[in-house]
Amino acid sequence: MTKPDTLLDYGRRIERVIDHIAAHLDETLELERLAAVACFSPHHFHRIYRAMAGETAADTLRRLRLHRAAGDLVRGGDGVAQVARRAGYGSVEAFTRAFGQVYGLSPGAYRRQGRLVPPPDQPPDEERNMHDVTIRDLPPLRVAAMAHQGPYMDIGTTFERLYAWAAGRGLVGPDTRSFALYYDDPESVPADRLRSEAALLVDGPIPEDGTVRALDIPGGRHAVLIHKGPYAELERPYRWLYRDWLPSSGHAPADRPCVEEYLNDCRKLPPEEWLTEIRLPLA
């Protein structure tokens, strides 16, 4: 097997592992099982995974669980103890420490600050935080895209798979740009039917390979705002954009989906520093 073929094969194997982790977030993932999914020796699996994915398998599992927990806290409903158990922690104290180290707040404080539905005693105007919106002409882009169906909060798993696919083809670099397209309103469409796509801007031709296709993102005039903070809170700026800004802006939306560009690396920075550029296409 040539070097390019080997890299491609390794990328496919790591993609299988990421799929397995995402499908078994509520389970204890054993080294031997993950190595078997990848068809690697347990003696070498961790080193290969870390080299291909940029983090350990345990890091991936922990990050995906805490990301899901942040979404659970924002949406409300379950108590902190239940969220902690679902995230794989045996006690609220352990969950609070782990969550605080990543998100910079206790789970309770994060819920109060980031919740999508304000409590009954909070005046509605407090949710109407202003954002800076700029009108920009953006160039068209051709990206490598992987479709995702299901809750938007789970698209991170599809990004993990897409990065593994791109790494296996030598298409990922330190400046690789990542995007997502969202086709449905999450408050109008059942979560399991939501459609979106994870996308990477890569250099050169895009090899279409099963789950990955070349996708053209149209350019043109867009309303652009930047959200700083965890991805679990992104629904709030969208609500403000459609409810407050758009009706009074004098602009009309184009018949195309919103696009997000993720401006920094969520693996290397704490969630409060994550930057997401929301692009609303205009007619």
Protein backbone atom coordinates (compact mmCIF):
# COMPACT_ATOMS: atom_id res chain seq x y z
CA MET A 1 0.00 0.00 0.00
CA THR A 2 1.42 3.39 -1.00
CA LYS A 3 1.80 6.25 1.49
CA PRO A 4 -1.28 8.15 0.20
CA ASP A 5 -3.32 4.93 0.36
CA THR A 6 -2.16 4.30 3.92
CA LEU A 7 -3.08 7.81 5.02
CA LEU A 8 -6.50 7.44 3.37
CA ASP A 9 -7.05 4.09 5.08
CA TYR A 10 -6.06 5.49 8.49
CA GLY A 11 -8.45 8.41 8.05
CA ARG A 12 -11.32 6.01 7.33
CA ARG A 13 -10.50 3.96 10.39
CA ILE A 14 -10.43 7.01 12.68
CA GLU A 15 -13.73 8.16 11.16
CA ARG A 16 -15.24 4.81 12.21
CA VAL A 17 -13.99 5.34 15.77
CA ILE A 18 -15.51 8.83 15.95
CA ASP A 19 -18.82 7.43 14.72
CA HIS A 20 -18.63 4.77 17.42
CA ILE A 21 -17.82 7.26 20.19
CA ALA A 22 -20.70 9.53 19.16
CA ALA A 23 -23.12 6.62 19.10
CA HIS A 24 -22.04 5.39 22.54
CA LEU A 25 -21.61 8.56 24.58
CA ASP A 26 -23.48 7.01 27.50
CA GLU A 27 -21.18 4.00 27.69
CA THR A 28 -17.71 3.35 29.05
CA LEU A 29 -15.44 3.11 26.03
CA GLU A 30 -12.71 0.53 26.43
CA LEU A 31 -9.37 0.79 24.64
CA GLU A 32 -9.67 -2.70 23.21
CA ARG A 33 -13.10 -1.98 21.74
CA LEU A 34 -12.02 1.29 20.10
CA ALA A 35 -8.89 -0.35 18.72
CA ALA A 36 -11.02 -3.16 17.31
CA VAL A 37 -13.37 -0.65 15.62
CA ALA A 38 -10.32 0.92 13.99
CA CYS A 39 -8.68 -2.43 13.28
CA PHE A 40 -5.50 -1.25 14.98
CA SER A 41 -3.43 -2.97 17.61
CA PRO A 42 -4.32 -1.73 21.12
CA HIS A 43 -0.61 -1.08 21.59
CA HIS A 44 -0.60 1.59 18.88
CA PHE A 45 -4.21 2.80 18.67
CA HIS A 46 -3.90 5.77 21.04
CA ARG A 47 -0.83 7.18 19.32
CA ILE A 48 -2.38 6.85 15.87
CA TYR A 49 -5.67 8.38 16.99
CA ARG A 50 -3.93 11.32 18.63
CA ALA A 51 -1.78 11.89 15.53
CA MET A 52 -4.78 11.81 13.20
CA ALA A 53 -7.42 13.54 15.34
CA GLY A 54 -5.23 16.02 17.21
CA GLU A 55 -6.40 14.78 20.63
CA THR A 56 -6.83 11.51 22.49
CA ALA A 57 -9.97 9.39 22.20
CA ALA A 58 -10.67 10.16 25.86
CA ASP A 59 -10.44 13.89 25.07
CA THR A 60 -12.95 13.44 22.23
CA LEU A 61 -15.36 11.55 24.47
CA ARG A 62 -15.07 14.09 27.30
CA ARG A 63 -15.50 17.06 24.96
CA LEU A 64 -18.57 15.59 23.24
CA ARG A 65 -20.16 14.71 26.57
CA LEU A 66 -19.59 18.19 28.03
CA HIS A 67 -20.84 19.80 24.82
CA ARG A 68 -24.04 17.78 25.09
CA ALA A 69 -24.29 18.68 28.78
CA ALA A 70 -24.01 22.40 27.94
CA GLY A 71 -26.92 22.00 25.56
CA ASP A 72 -28.95 20.14 28.19
CA LEU A 73 -28.33 22.94 30.70
CA VAL A 74 -29.25 25.70 28.26
CA ARG A 75 -32.49 24.03 27.23
CA GLY A 76 -33.48 23.40 30.85
CA GLY A 77 -35.65 20.49 31.93
CA ASP A 78 -33.33 17.97 33.55
CA GLY A 79 -31.76 18.69 36.92
CA VAL A 80 -28.00 19.15 37.23
CA ALA A 81 -27.62 15.73 38.87
CA GLN A 82 -29.29 14.05 35.89
CA VAL A 83 -27.17 16.03 33.42
CA ALA A 84 -24.06 15.02 35.39
CA ARG A 85 -24.96 11.32 35.24
CA ARG A 86 -25.64 11.52 31.51
CA ALA A 87 -22.23 13.14 31.02
CA GLY A 88 -20.60 10.17 32.75
CA TYR A 89 -19.85 11.71 36.16
CA GLY A 90 -20.58 9.85 39.37
CA SER A 91 -21.30 12.98 41.38
CA VAL A 92 -22.48 16.53 40.88
CA GLU A 93 -19.23 17.72 42.49
CA ALA A 94 -17.06 15.93 39.92
CA PHE A 95 -19.23 17.19 37.08
CA THR A 96 -19.13 20.74 38.46
CA ARG A 97 -15.31 20.67 38.58
CA ALA A 98 -14.98 19.29 35.06
CA PHE A 99 -17.61 21.61 33.61
CA GLY A 100 -16.13 24.64 35.35
CA GLN A 101 -12.63 23.87 34.05
CA VAL A 102 -13.91 23.92 30.46
CA TYR A 103 -16.77 26.46 30.51
CA GLY A 104 -15.52 28.75 33.27
CA LEU A 105 -18.81 28.60 35.21
CA SER A 106 -20.57 26.14 37.45
CA PRO A 107 -23.40 24.21 35.72
CA GLY A 108 -25.98 26.18 37.71
CA ALA A 109 -24.47 29.55 36.81
CA TYR A 110 -24.12 28.51 33.18
CA ARG A 111 -27.79 27.51 33.08
CA ARG A 112 -28.86 30.86 34.50
CA GLN A 113 -26.64 32.83 32.12
CA GLY A 114 -27.14 30.87 28.92
CA ARG A 115 -30.65 29.44 29.09
CA LEU A 116 -32.66 29.91 25.89
CA VAL A 117 -35.98 30.40 27.67
CA PRO A 118 -35.75 33.09 30.39
CA PRO A 119 -37.30 32.30 33.77
CA PRO A 120 -40.75 33.77 34.51
CA ASP A 121 -39.33 36.51 36.75
CA GLN A 122 -36.91 37.81 34.08
CA PRO A 123 -38.27 40.73 32.02
CA PRO A 124 -38.34 39.90 28.27
CA ASP A 125 -36.17 42.93 27.42
CA GLU A 126 -33.22 41.36 29.25
CA GLU A 127 -33.03 38.71 26.53
CA ARG A 128 -32.87 41.34 23.80
CA ASN A 129 -29.10 41.86 23.89
CA MET A 130 -27.87 43.97 21.00
CA HIS A 131 -25.35 42.57 18.53
CA ASP A 132 -23.22 44.34 15.96
CA VAL A 133 -24.45 43.47 12.47
CA THR A 134 -22.49 44.42 9.38
CA ILE A 135 -23.57 44.14 5.74
CA ARG A 136 -20.84 42.46 3.71
CA ASP A 137 -20.36 41.21 0.16
CA LEU A 138 -18.87 37.74 0.53
CA PRO A 139 -17.17 35.66 -2.17
CA PRO A 140 -18.57 32.28 -3.24
CA LEU A 141 -16.86 29.24 -1.79
CA ARG A 142 -16.51 25.62 -2.87
CA VAL A 143 -16.23 23.36 0.15
CA ALA A 144 -16.05 19.69 1.04
CA ALA A 145 -19.33 18.92 2.83
CA MET A 146 -20.77 16.08 4.86
CA ALA A 147 -24.51 15.98 5.51
CA HIS A 148 -25.87 15.83 9.06
CA GLN A 149 -29.41 14.96 10.04
CA GLY A 150 -30.58 15.36 13.62
CA PRO A 151 -30.14 17.92 16.40
CA TYR A 152 -27.92 20.81 15.41
CA MET A 153 -26.06 20.41 18.70
CA ASP A 154 -24.80 17.05 17.41
CA ILE A 155 -23.18 18.39 14.23
CA GLY A 156 -19.84 18.42 16.06
CA THR A 157 -19.67 14.66 15.57
CA THR A 158 -20.09 15.13 11.82
CA PHE A 159 -17.25 17.67 11.89
CA GLU A 160 -15.06 15.10 13.66
CA ARG A 161 -15.79 12.60 10.89
CA LEU A 162 -15.18 15.20 8.19
CA TYR A 163 -11.83 16.18 9.70
CA ALA A 164 -10.83 12.51 9.82
CA TRP A 165 -11.84 12.16 6.16
CA ALA A 166 -9.82 15.26 5.20
CA ALA A 167 -6.81 14.24 7.32
CA GLY A 168 -6.74 10.90 5.53
CA ARG A 169 -6.35 12.75 2.25
CA GLY A 170 -3.81 15.29 3.47
CA LEU A 171 -6.32 18.15 3.08
CA VAL A 172 -6.19 19.57 6.61
CA GLY A 173 -3.79 22.35 7.54
CA PRO A 174 -3.41 24.81 10.43
CA ASP A 175 -5.48 27.41 8.53
CA THR A 176 -8.28 25.15 7.31
CA ARG A 177 -11.59 27.04 7.53
CA SER A 178 -14.75 25.32 8.75
CA PHE A 179 -18.37 26.14 7.98
CA ALA A 180 -21.85 24.79 8.60
CA LEU A 181 -25.08 25.28 6.70
CA TYR A 182 -28.44 25.00 8.48
CA TYR A 183 -31.54 24.36 6.40
CA ASP A 184 -34.35 24.18 8.97
CA ASP A 185 -35.77 26.14 11.90
CA PRO A 186 -35.01 24.09 15.04
CA GLU A 187 -38.13 25.44 16.74
CA SER A 188 -40.41 24.35 13.86
CA VAL A 189 -38.92 21.04 12.71
CA PRO A 190 -38.58 17.93 14.91
CA ALA A 191 -34.99 17.52 16.10
CA ASP A 192 -34.49 14.17 14.37
CA ARG A 193 -35.45 15.71 11.00
CA LEU A 194 -33.24 18.80 11.10
CA ARG A 195 -30.92 19.05 8.08
CA SER A 196 -27.48 20.64 8.10
CA GLU A 197 -24.03 20.19 6.60
CA ALA A 198 -20.54 20.38 8.03
CA ALA A 199 -18.01 21.79 5.57
CA LEU A 200 -14.29 22.47 5.19
CA LEU A 201 -12.55 24.79 2.75
CA VAL A 202 -9.71 22.72 1.32
CA ASP A 203 -7.06 23.48 -1.29
CA GLY A 204 -7.42 21.87 -4.67
CA PRO A 205 -9.99 19.48 -6.12
CA ILE A 206 -12.44 17.85 -3.71
CA PRO A 207 -12.47 14.06 -4.04
CA GLU A 208 -16.11 13.00 -3.66
CA ASP A 209 -16.13 9.83 -1.64
CA GLY A 210 -19.41 8.41 -0.45
CA THR A 211 -20.54 10.69 2.38
CA VAL A 212 -18.51 13.73 1.24
CA ARG A 213 -19.40 15.96 -1.72
CA ALA A 214 -18.32 19.25 -3.22
CA LEU A 215 -20.73 22.02 -2.24
CA ASP A 216 -20.92 25.58 -3.55
CA ILE A 217 -21.77 28.27 -0.99
CA PRO A 218 -23.08 31.27 -2.95
CA GLY A 219 -21.52 34.66 -2.39
CA GLY A 220 -23.26 38.00 -2.34
CA ARG A 221 -24.63 40.37 0.25
CA HIS A 222 -24.98 39.05 3.81
CA ALA A 223 -25.89 40.34 7.24
CA VAL A 224 -23.05 39.19 9.46
CA LEU A 225 -22.73 39.04 13.22
CA ILE A 226 -20.14 37.37 15.44
CA HIS A 227 -21.16 35.38 18.49
CA LYS A 228 -18.57 34.88 21.22
CA GLY A 229 -19.21 31.94 23.52
CA PRO A 230 -20.27 28.29 23.56
CA TYR A 231 -22.03 26.81 20.57
CA ALA A 232 -24.89 25.72 22.85
CA GLU A 233 -25.93 29.39 23.09
CA LEU A 234 -26.09 30.12 19.35
CA GLU A 235 -29.88 29.98 19.16
CA ARG A 236 -30.06 33.25 21.14
CA PRO A 237 -28.33 35.48 18.53
CA TYR A 238 -30.42 33.80 15.82
CA ARG A 239 -33.60 34.72 17.70
CA TRP A 240 -32.41 38.31 18.06
CA LEU A 241 -31.39 38.48 14.39
CA TYR A 242 -34.78 37.33 13.11
CA ARG A 243 -37.00 38.85 15.77
CA ASP A 244 -35.36 42.25 16.37
CA TRP A 245 -32.84 43.13 13.68
CA LEU A 246 -34.33 41.82 10.42
CA PRO A 247 -37.85 43.34 10.70
CA SER A 248 -36.43 46.81 11.35
CA SER A 249 -33.41 46.61 9.03
CA GLY A 250 -35.07 47.35 5.69
CA HIS A 251 -33.55 44.14 4.28
CA ALA A 252 -35.15 40.92 3.10
CA PRO A 253 -33.55 37.46 3.42
CA ALA A 254 -32.52 35.57 0.30
CA ASP A 255 -33.86 32.10 -0.44
CA ARG A 256 -30.72 30.42 0.87
CA PRO A 257 -29.78 28.95 4.25
CA CYS A 258 -27.75 30.67 6.93
CA VAL A 259 -24.06 29.79 7.10
CA GLU A 260 -21.79 29.75 10.11
CA GLU A 261 -18.02 30.02 10.00
CA TYR A 262 -16.07 28.93 13.08
CA LEU A 263 -13.29 31.45 13.43
CA ASN A 264 -11.09 29.70 15.98
CA ASP A 265 -10.29 26.21 17.22
CA CYS A 266 -12.69 24.85 19.84
CA ARG A 267 -10.12 22.21 20.78
CA LYS A 268 -7.51 24.75 21.81
CA LEU A 269 -9.61 27.48 23.47
CA PRO A 270 -12.14 27.56 26.31
CA PRO A 271 -15.80 27.83 25.19
CA GLU A 272 -16.16 31.45 26.33
CA GLU A 273 -13.58 32.38 23.65
CA TRP A 274 -15.15 30.48 20.74
CA LEU A 275 -16.03 32.80 17.85
CA THR A 276 -18.81 31.98 15.41
CA GLU A 277 -19.62 34.18 12.43
CA ILE A 278 -23.32 33.94 11.52
CA ARG A 279 -24.07 34.85 7.90
CA LEU A 280 -27.65 35.62 6.87
CA PRO A 281 -27.93 35.90 3.06
CA LEU A 282 -29.83 38.95 1.83
CA ALA A 283 -31.93 39.40 -1.30
